[in-house]
Protein backbone atom coordinates (compact mmCIF):
# COMPACT_ATOMS: atom_id res chain seq x y z
CA MET A 1 96.81 77.84 -112.64
CA SER A 2 97.04 75.84 -109.65
CA ALA A 3 99.61 73.32 -109.01
CA ASP A 4 96.57 70.37 -108.93
CA ASP A 5 95.42 72.37 -112.19
CA LYS A 6 98.53 72.11 -113.65
CA LEU A 7 98.81 68.30 -112.67
CA GLU A 8 95.56 67.92 -114.14
CA THR A 9 96.32 69.31 -117.53
CA LEU A 10 100.19 67.06 -117.93
CA ARG A 11 97.84 64.02 -117.05
CA ASP A 12 95.32 64.53 -119.81
CA GLY A 13 98.14 64.86 -122.42
CA ILE A 14 99.51 62.13 -121.14
CA ASP A 15 95.92 59.99 -121.71
CA ALA A 16 95.93 61.71 -125.16
CA LEU A 17 99.59 60.32 -126.29
CA ASP A 18 98.43 57.04 -124.80
CA GLU A 19 95.62 56.38 -127.11
CA GLN A 20 97.46 57.62 -130.06
CA VAL A 21 100.69 55.27 -128.94
CA GLN A 22 98.33 52.65 -128.50
CA ASP A 23 96.72 53.30 -131.71
CA LEU A 24 99.84 53.61 -133.44
CA ILE A 25 100.98 50.08 -131.78
CA ASN A 26 97.43 47.98 -133.34
CA ARG A 27 98.43 49.90 -136.70
CA ARG A 28 101.86 48.41 -136.83
CA ALA A 29 100.74 45.01 -135.89
CA ALA A 30 98.31 45.50 -138.38
CA LEU A 31 101.25 45.82 -141.30
CA ALA A 32 103.12 42.93 -139.43
CA ARG A 33 99.86 40.74 -139.91
CA GLU A 34 99.94 41.94 -143.67
CA ILE A 35 103.66 40.88 -144.30
CA ALA A 36 102.85 37.25 -142.88
CA GLU A 37 99.76 37.03 -144.92
CA VAL A 38 102.20 37.78 -148.23
CA LYS A 39 104.88 35.57 -146.96
CA SER A 40 102.71 32.68 -146.94
CA ALA A 41 101.31 33.04 -150.33
CA GLU A 42 104.77 33.40 -151.23
CA GLY A 43 105.69 30.21 -149.25
CA GLN A 44 107.59 32.09 -146.82
CA GLU A 45 106.12 30.80 -143.95
CA THR A 46 109.46 29.60 -142.20
CA ASP A 47 111.53 33.03 -142.68
CA PHE A 48 109.22 35.26 -140.46
CA TYR A 49 112.07 35.94 -137.97
CA ARG A 50 114.35 38.05 -139.87
CA PRO A 51 117.67 38.80 -137.16
CA ASP A 52 119.53 41.25 -139.76
CA ARG A 53 116.09 43.66 -140.15
CA GLU A 54 115.68 43.57 -136.38
CA ALA A 55 118.89 44.63 -135.33
CA ARG A 56 118.66 47.59 -138.13
CA VAL A 57 115.59 48.99 -136.80
CA LEU A 58 117.03 48.75 -133.08
CA ARG A 59 120.03 50.44 -134.14
CA ARG A 60 118.12 53.19 -135.88
CA ILE A 61 116.03 53.30 -132.39
CA SER A 62 119.51 53.91 -130.42
CA GLU A 63 120.63 56.12 -133.01
CA ARG A 64 117.28 58.54 -132.76
CA ASN A 65 116.62 58.53 -129.20
CA THR A 66 116.91 62.01 -127.80
CA GLY A 67 115.57 61.43 -124.30
CA PRO A 68 114.81 62.00 -121.89
CA LEU A 69 114.41 58.04 -121.71
CA PRO A 70 117.97 56.35 -122.28
CA SER A 71 118.66 54.40 -125.27
CA GLU A 72 118.85 50.70 -123.46
CA GLU A 73 115.29 51.42 -122.10
CA MET A 74 113.94 52.78 -125.73
CA VAL A 75 115.33 49.49 -127.57
CA ARG A 76 114.11 47.65 -124.81
CA LEU A 77 110.35 48.89 -125.43
CA PHE A 78 110.57 48.77 -128.88
CA ARG A 79 111.93 45.05 -128.81
CA GLU A 80 108.74 43.88 -126.50
CA ILE A 81 106.77 45.49 -129.23
CA MET A 82 108.42 43.74 -131.98
CA SER A 83 108.52 40.65 -130.44
CA ALA A 84 104.49 41.15 -129.89
CA CYS A 85 103.86 42.02 -133.23
CA LEU A 86 106.24 38.74 -134.71
CA ALA A 87 103.95 36.91 -132.50
CA LEU A 88 101.10 37.66 -135.16
CA GLU A 89 102.94 35.97 -137.72
CA LYS A 90 104.38 32.87 -135.83
CA PRO A 91 105.00 32.42 -132.57
CA LEU A 92 108.73 31.41 -131.58
CA SER A 93 109.97 28.74 -129.20
CA ILE A 94 113.24 29.15 -128.08
CA ALA A 95 115.77 26.49 -126.21
CA PHE A 96 117.71 27.75 -123.47
CA LEU A 97 120.14 26.17 -120.78
CA GLY A 98 117.81 25.80 -117.71
CA PRO A 99 115.90 25.64 -115.39
CA GLU A 100 113.80 28.60 -115.35
CA GLY A 101 115.22 31.99 -114.17
CA THR A 102 119.03 31.39 -115.48
CA PHE A 103 120.76 34.24 -116.96
CA THR A 104 120.13 31.96 -120.36
CA GLN A 105 116.60 32.66 -120.17
CA ALA A 106 117.29 36.22 -119.21
CA ALA A 107 119.33 36.89 -122.21
CA ALA A 108 116.52 35.01 -124.48
CA LEU A 109 114.38 37.37 -123.32
CA LYS A 110 116.23 40.46 -123.41
CA HIS A 111 116.72 39.50 -127.31
CA PHE A 112 113.45 37.95 -128.41
CA GLY A 113 111.28 39.54 -126.06
CA HIS A 114 108.24 38.03 -123.76
CA SER A 115 106.19 37.23 -126.83
CA VAL A 116 107.86 33.88 -127.16
CA THR A 117 107.90 30.39 -125.47
CA THR A 118 111.08 29.41 -123.77
CA LEU A 119 111.96 25.76 -123.33
CA PRO A 120 114.19 25.42 -120.57
CA MET A 121 117.19 22.36 -121.37
CA ASP A 122 119.26 20.50 -119.20
CA GLY A 123 121.96 21.09 -120.34
CA ILE A 124 124.10 22.99 -123.40
CA ASP A 125 123.77 19.87 -125.84
CA ASP A 126 120.35 19.18 -125.11
CA VAL A 127 119.72 23.27 -126.65
CA PHE A 128 121.25 22.26 -129.46
CA ARG A 129 119.83 19.08 -130.18
CA GLU A 130 116.59 20.98 -129.61
CA VAL A 131 117.09 22.89 -132.34
CA GLU A 132 118.66 20.51 -135.02
CA ALA A 133 115.27 18.26 -134.31
CA GLY A 134 113.25 21.47 -134.53
CA SER A 135 111.47 20.88 -131.60
CA ALA A 136 112.41 24.89 -131.01
CA ASP A 137 113.16 27.60 -133.35
CA TYR A 138 116.23 28.85 -131.70
CA GLY A 139 118.18 28.48 -129.13
CA VAL A 140 120.30 30.09 -126.71
CA VAL A 141 123.63 29.09 -125.19
CA PRO A 142 126.52 30.80 -123.10
CA VAL A 143 129.78 31.51 -124.74
CA GLU A 144 132.05 33.65 -122.93
CA ASN A 145 132.23 35.41 -119.36
CA SER A 146 134.13 38.61 -118.97
CA THR A 147 135.44 37.02 -115.72
CA GLU A 148 135.64 33.52 -116.40
CA GLY A 149 136.53 33.22 -119.62
CA VAL A 150 134.85 30.88 -122.55
CA VAL A 151 132.38 28.18 -121.88
CA SER A 152 134.22 24.96 -124.01
CA HIS A 153 131.48 22.83 -123.76
CA THR A 154 129.77 25.16 -126.18
CA LEU A 155 132.71 25.79 -128.57
CA ASP A 156 133.14 22.11 -128.71
CA LEU A 157 129.17 21.33 -129.46
CA PHE A 158 129.77 23.25 -132.87
CA GLN A 159 132.38 21.06 -134.45
CA HIS A 160 130.14 18.38 -135.31
CA SER A 161 126.55 20.74 -135.55
CA SER A 162 125.11 21.76 -138.35
CA LEU A 163 123.71 24.73 -136.79
CA HIS A 164 124.36 28.38 -137.23
CA ILE A 165 125.09 31.13 -135.40
CA CYS A 166 122.58 33.65 -136.15
CA GLY A 167 122.76 36.45 -133.31
CA GLU A 168 124.45 37.44 -130.01
CA VAL A 169 123.28 39.03 -126.62
CA GLU A 170 125.60 40.38 -124.18
CA GLN A 171 123.93 40.34 -120.45
CA ARG A 172 125.08 42.03 -117.83
CA ILE A 173 125.55 39.77 -114.62
CA HIS A 174 124.40 41.07 -111.44
CA HIS A 175 124.71 38.47 -108.78
CA HIS A 176 122.68 38.53 -105.53
CA LEU A 177 122.87 36.55 -102.50
CA LEU A 178 119.28 34.61 -102.17
CA THR A 179 118.03 33.68 -98.57
CA GLN A 180 114.41 32.20 -97.51
CA ASP A 181 114.08 35.13 -95.38
CA GLY A 182 116.42 37.79 -96.43
CA SER A 183 118.71 37.43 -93.03
CA LEU A 184 122.33 36.23 -93.53
CA ASP A 185 122.70 35.38 -89.91
CA THR A 186 122.19 31.74 -89.76
CA VAL A 187 123.95 31.10 -93.06
CA THR A 188 125.75 27.86 -93.06
CA ARG A 189 126.29 27.14 -96.66
CA VAL A 190 125.96 28.79 -100.31
CA LEU A 191 124.79 27.10 -103.14
CA ALA A 192 125.61 28.29 -107.11
CA HIS A 193 127.00 27.44 -110.64
CA GLN A 194 130.70 27.20 -109.95
CA GLN A 195 131.33 30.13 -112.05
CA ALA A 196 129.38 32.36 -110.26
CA LEU A 197 130.97 31.00 -107.07
CA ALA A 198 133.80 31.83 -108.68
CA GLN A 199 133.03 35.61 -109.67
CA CYS A 200 132.00 36.24 -105.97
CA ARG A 201 134.63 35.39 -104.01
CA GLY A 202 136.19 38.33 -103.14
CA TRP A 203 132.41 39.21 -101.68
CA LEU A 204 132.18 35.61 -99.91
CA ASP A 205 135.67 35.84 -98.16
CA THR A 206 134.37 38.98 -96.92
CA HIS A 207 130.82 38.10 -95.58
CA LEU A 208 130.65 34.60 -95.27
CA ALA A 209 134.12 33.05 -95.15
CA HIS A 210 132.65 30.53 -92.74
CA ALA A 211 129.93 28.96 -95.11
CA GLU A 212 130.25 26.16 -96.91
CA ARG A 213 130.50 26.56 -100.74
CA VAL A 214 128.44 24.27 -102.79
CA ALA A 215 128.48 23.92 -106.75
CA VAL A 216 125.53 23.24 -108.35
CA THR A 217 123.98 22.60 -111.99
CA SER A 218 122.72 26.27 -112.17
CA ASN A 219 122.22 29.13 -110.18
CA ALA A 220 118.08 29.00 -110.84
CA GLU A 221 118.53 25.45 -109.25
CA ALA A 222 120.64 26.52 -106.35
CA ALA A 223 117.53 29.36 -105.37
CA ARG A 224 115.35 26.74 -106.20
CA MET A 225 116.97 24.22 -103.59
CA ILE A 226 116.98 26.81 -100.68
CA ALA A 227 113.49 27.32 -100.91
CA ALA A 228 113.51 24.35 -98.63
CA ALA A 229 116.68 24.30 -96.65
CA PRO A 230 116.69 27.06 -93.77
CA GLY A 231 120.23 27.97 -93.26
CA SER A 232 121.16 28.11 -96.81
CA ALA A 233 121.67 30.74 -99.44
CA ALA A 234 122.10 31.18 -102.93
CA ILE A 235 123.92 33.05 -105.22
CA ALA A 236 121.20 34.07 -108.49
CA GLY A 237 119.61 36.68 -110.07
CA GLU A 238 116.56 38.77 -109.21
CA MET A 239 114.28 36.61 -111.90
CA ALA A 240 115.22 33.46 -109.92
CA ALA A 241 114.53 35.43 -106.95
CA GLU A 242 111.03 36.42 -108.05
CA LEU A 243 110.39 32.65 -109.50
CA TYR A 244 111.14 30.74 -106.43
CA ALA A 245 109.72 33.22 -104.02
CA VAL A 246 113.19 33.92 -101.81
CA ALA A 247 114.20 37.24 -100.40
CA ILE A 248 117.58 39.17 -101.84
CA ALA A 249 119.88 39.39 -98.77
CA ALA A 250 122.58 41.11 -100.66
CA ARG A 251 122.41 42.80 -103.98
CA ASN A 252 125.14 43.00 -106.69
CA ILE A 253 127.95 40.75 -104.60
CA GLU A 254 129.71 39.96 -107.90
CA ASP A 255 133.36 41.07 -107.47
CA GLN A 256 133.83 42.97 -111.07
CA PRO A 257 130.97 45.42 -111.08
CA ASP A 258 131.12 45.05 -115.36
CA ASN A 259 130.88 41.23 -115.12
CA THR A 260 129.24 40.29 -118.55
CA THR A 261 128.13 37.18 -120.27
CA ARG A 262 128.13 36.86 -124.18
CA PHE A 263 125.57 34.75 -125.25
CA LEU A 264 124.96 33.04 -128.81
CA ILE A 265 121.64 32.39 -130.81
CA ILE A 266 122.04 29.49 -132.56
CA GLY A 267 119.50 28.22 -135.78
CA THR A 268 118.88 26.63 -138.93
CA ARG A 269 119.06 29.51 -141.29
CA ASN A 270 121.92 31.66 -142.33
CA THR A 271 121.59 35.33 -141.15
CA GLN A 272 122.09 38.15 -143.77
CA SER A 273 124.02 40.89 -143.13
CA SER A 274 122.62 43.57 -141.07
CA GLY A 275 125.57 46.36 -141.88
CA ALA A 276 127.03 45.84 -138.04
CA ASP A 277 127.80 42.18 -138.27
CA LYS A 278 130.67 39.39 -136.94
CA THR A 279 131.48 36.08 -138.42
CA SER A 280 132.32 32.86 -136.60
CA VAL A 281 134.91 30.85 -137.90
CA LEU A 282 136.37 26.95 -137.02
CA VAL A 283 139.46 26.39 -138.47
CA SER A 284 141.62 23.38 -138.26
CA VAL A 285 145.17 23.54 -138.87
CA ARG A 286 148.13 21.20 -139.91
CA ASN A 287 150.36 20.14 -136.52
CA GLN A 288 153.65 21.85 -138.38
CA PRO A 289 155.68 24.99 -137.49
CA GLY A 290 154.43 28.43 -138.31
CA ALA A 291 150.82 26.86 -138.79
CA LEU A 292 149.27 29.69 -136.77
CA SER A 293 151.21 32.58 -138.24
CA ALA A 294 150.07 31.68 -141.97
CA LEU A 295 146.60 31.38 -140.62
CA LEU A 296 146.66 34.72 -139.15
CA GLN A 297 148.02 36.45 -142.30
CA PRO A 298 144.87 36.67 -144.61
CA ILE A 299 142.86 38.30 -141.58
CA ALA A 300 145.41 40.68 -141.25
CA GLY A 301 146.04 41.54 -145.12
CA ASN A 302 142.39 42.00 -145.82
CA GLY A 303 142.51 44.72 -143.47
CA ILE A 304 139.96 42.75 -141.03
CA SER A 305 140.13 43.08 -137.36
CA MET A 306 139.82 39.32 -135.21
CA THR A 307 137.96 40.43 -132.48
CA ARG A 308 138.69 36.91 -130.89
CA ILE A 309 140.70 33.67 -130.92
CA GLU A 310 140.48 30.43 -128.94
CA SER A 311 141.43 27.01 -129.60
CA ARG A 312 140.09 23.86 -128.25
CA PRO A 313 141.76 19.93 -128.99
CA SER A 314 140.29 18.59 -131.92
CA ARG A 315 139.25 15.46 -130.50
CA GLN A 316 140.71 13.85 -133.27
CA GLY A 317 144.47 13.29 -132.47
CA MET A 318 146.57 14.16 -129.80
CA TRP A 319 147.60 17.16 -129.70
CA GLU A 320 145.73 18.44 -132.64
CA TYR A 321 143.58 22.00 -132.06
CA VAL A 322 141.07 23.83 -133.73
CA PHE A 323 140.92 27.56 -133.45
CA TYR A 324 137.23 29.49 -132.79
CA ILE A 325 138.01 32.81 -134.39
CA ASP A 326 135.71 36.11 -134.63
CA LEU A 327 136.19 38.12 -137.65
CA ASP A 328 134.61 41.56 -137.54
CA GLY A 329 131.99 41.48 -140.87
CA HIS A 330 129.81 39.59 -142.43
CA ARG A 331 130.97 36.49 -144.89
CA ASP A 332 129.58 38.25 -147.91
CA ASP A 333 131.81 41.85 -147.45
CA ALA A 334 134.17 41.32 -150.13
CA PRO A 335 137.18 41.65 -147.44
CA VAL A 336 135.84 38.78 -145.51
CA ALA A 337 134.95 36.57 -148.46
CA ALA A 338 138.51 37.25 -149.84
CA ALA A 339 139.97 36.49 -146.34
CA LEU A 340 137.88 32.96 -145.95
CA ALA A 341 138.86 32.07 -149.44
CA GLU A 342 142.85 32.33 -148.82
CA LEU A 343 142.00 30.72 -145.28
CA GLU A 344 140.92 27.33 -147.28
CA THR A 345 144.40 27.08 -148.99
CA GLU A 346 146.24 27.57 -145.87
CA ALA A 347 144.09 25.53 -143.23
CA PHE A 348 143.39 22.28 -143.60
CA ALA A 349 139.78 22.35 -142.60
CA VAL A 350 137.48 25.77 -142.70
CA LYS A 351 134.17 26.05 -141.02
CA VAL A 352 132.03 29.25 -141.30
CA LEU A 353 129.49 28.98 -138.19
CA GLY A 354 127.79 31.82 -139.05
CA SER A 355 127.71 36.01 -139.53
CA TYR A 356 125.46 37.60 -137.75
CA PRO A 357 124.39 41.09 -135.93
CA LYS A 358 126.76 42.37 -133.43
CA ALA A 359 124.77 42.42 -129.86
CA VAL A 360 122.38 45.71 -129.62
CA ILE A 361 122.45 47.57 -126.38
């Protein structure tokens, strides 16, 4: 058999498989539509999206994947199929920290897929308000970066919000230097969010030490601004470069190659256990000796891993603080439930912000 004949046979095989894949996707979509009809008949029309079930499905896909496609790519493909099928039941609207082209929008699309409507908001507090008002089904907000630490404003808003944390997304952050023509020769200033400037400080010191550094509200806004500003560069992601039609002059200029931002999914509903979950708690303690030690004992005593603890001013009195704690497990798990009950007796106030699936790839 000649090489051309072999190629033709292989391509015929791909075409045949494509027909089967297409048929199976449509059969899956038909089942999703039937689920919507059953839920609507039972008055469950507001509960189409199940973060716990979606996380379980995607974990199974990752676990059973044998290649040659990597698990991350296989999960991404199935997430898009699930997103399109969910849109047949109820298209979701997702508020995010805008403008369009931000890493927060990229995180929203990574988590929900592209068959949703994304709503750019001017600030993190606007994302909270949009979801609280029912104008968006869910919101996506940044909470911490592996290089620069926590996003304090996000944590502070949970003190008075009734929203729940429904999920999390971990997004690798690759910063690119953008210019109008892809050249660095005429760059006299660099625009970016202050965190991006900090995360790329070493590269900027080496390659653009002479350029002025200007902090703006977001990297996407920086990309939009330089599109009409010769001599200016922006630090932003590939989505922003495409959206605002500017060129990438240098790729991956972040100082830490594993730079990752964690985003939270916020909504109005509690999330059931997925089998691999986190619980986030806000705890207020009395200002007295040993208060923090007493706070940690119920967690350790019940064998629970505490993955993060952050303190923030309570805004109720001078030198009074609240602690944001991430625990391994769901609030309905017996050890976590026992620890929370004990915390209630030790702390001034305990507020469970949500139990939710751990990030899936």
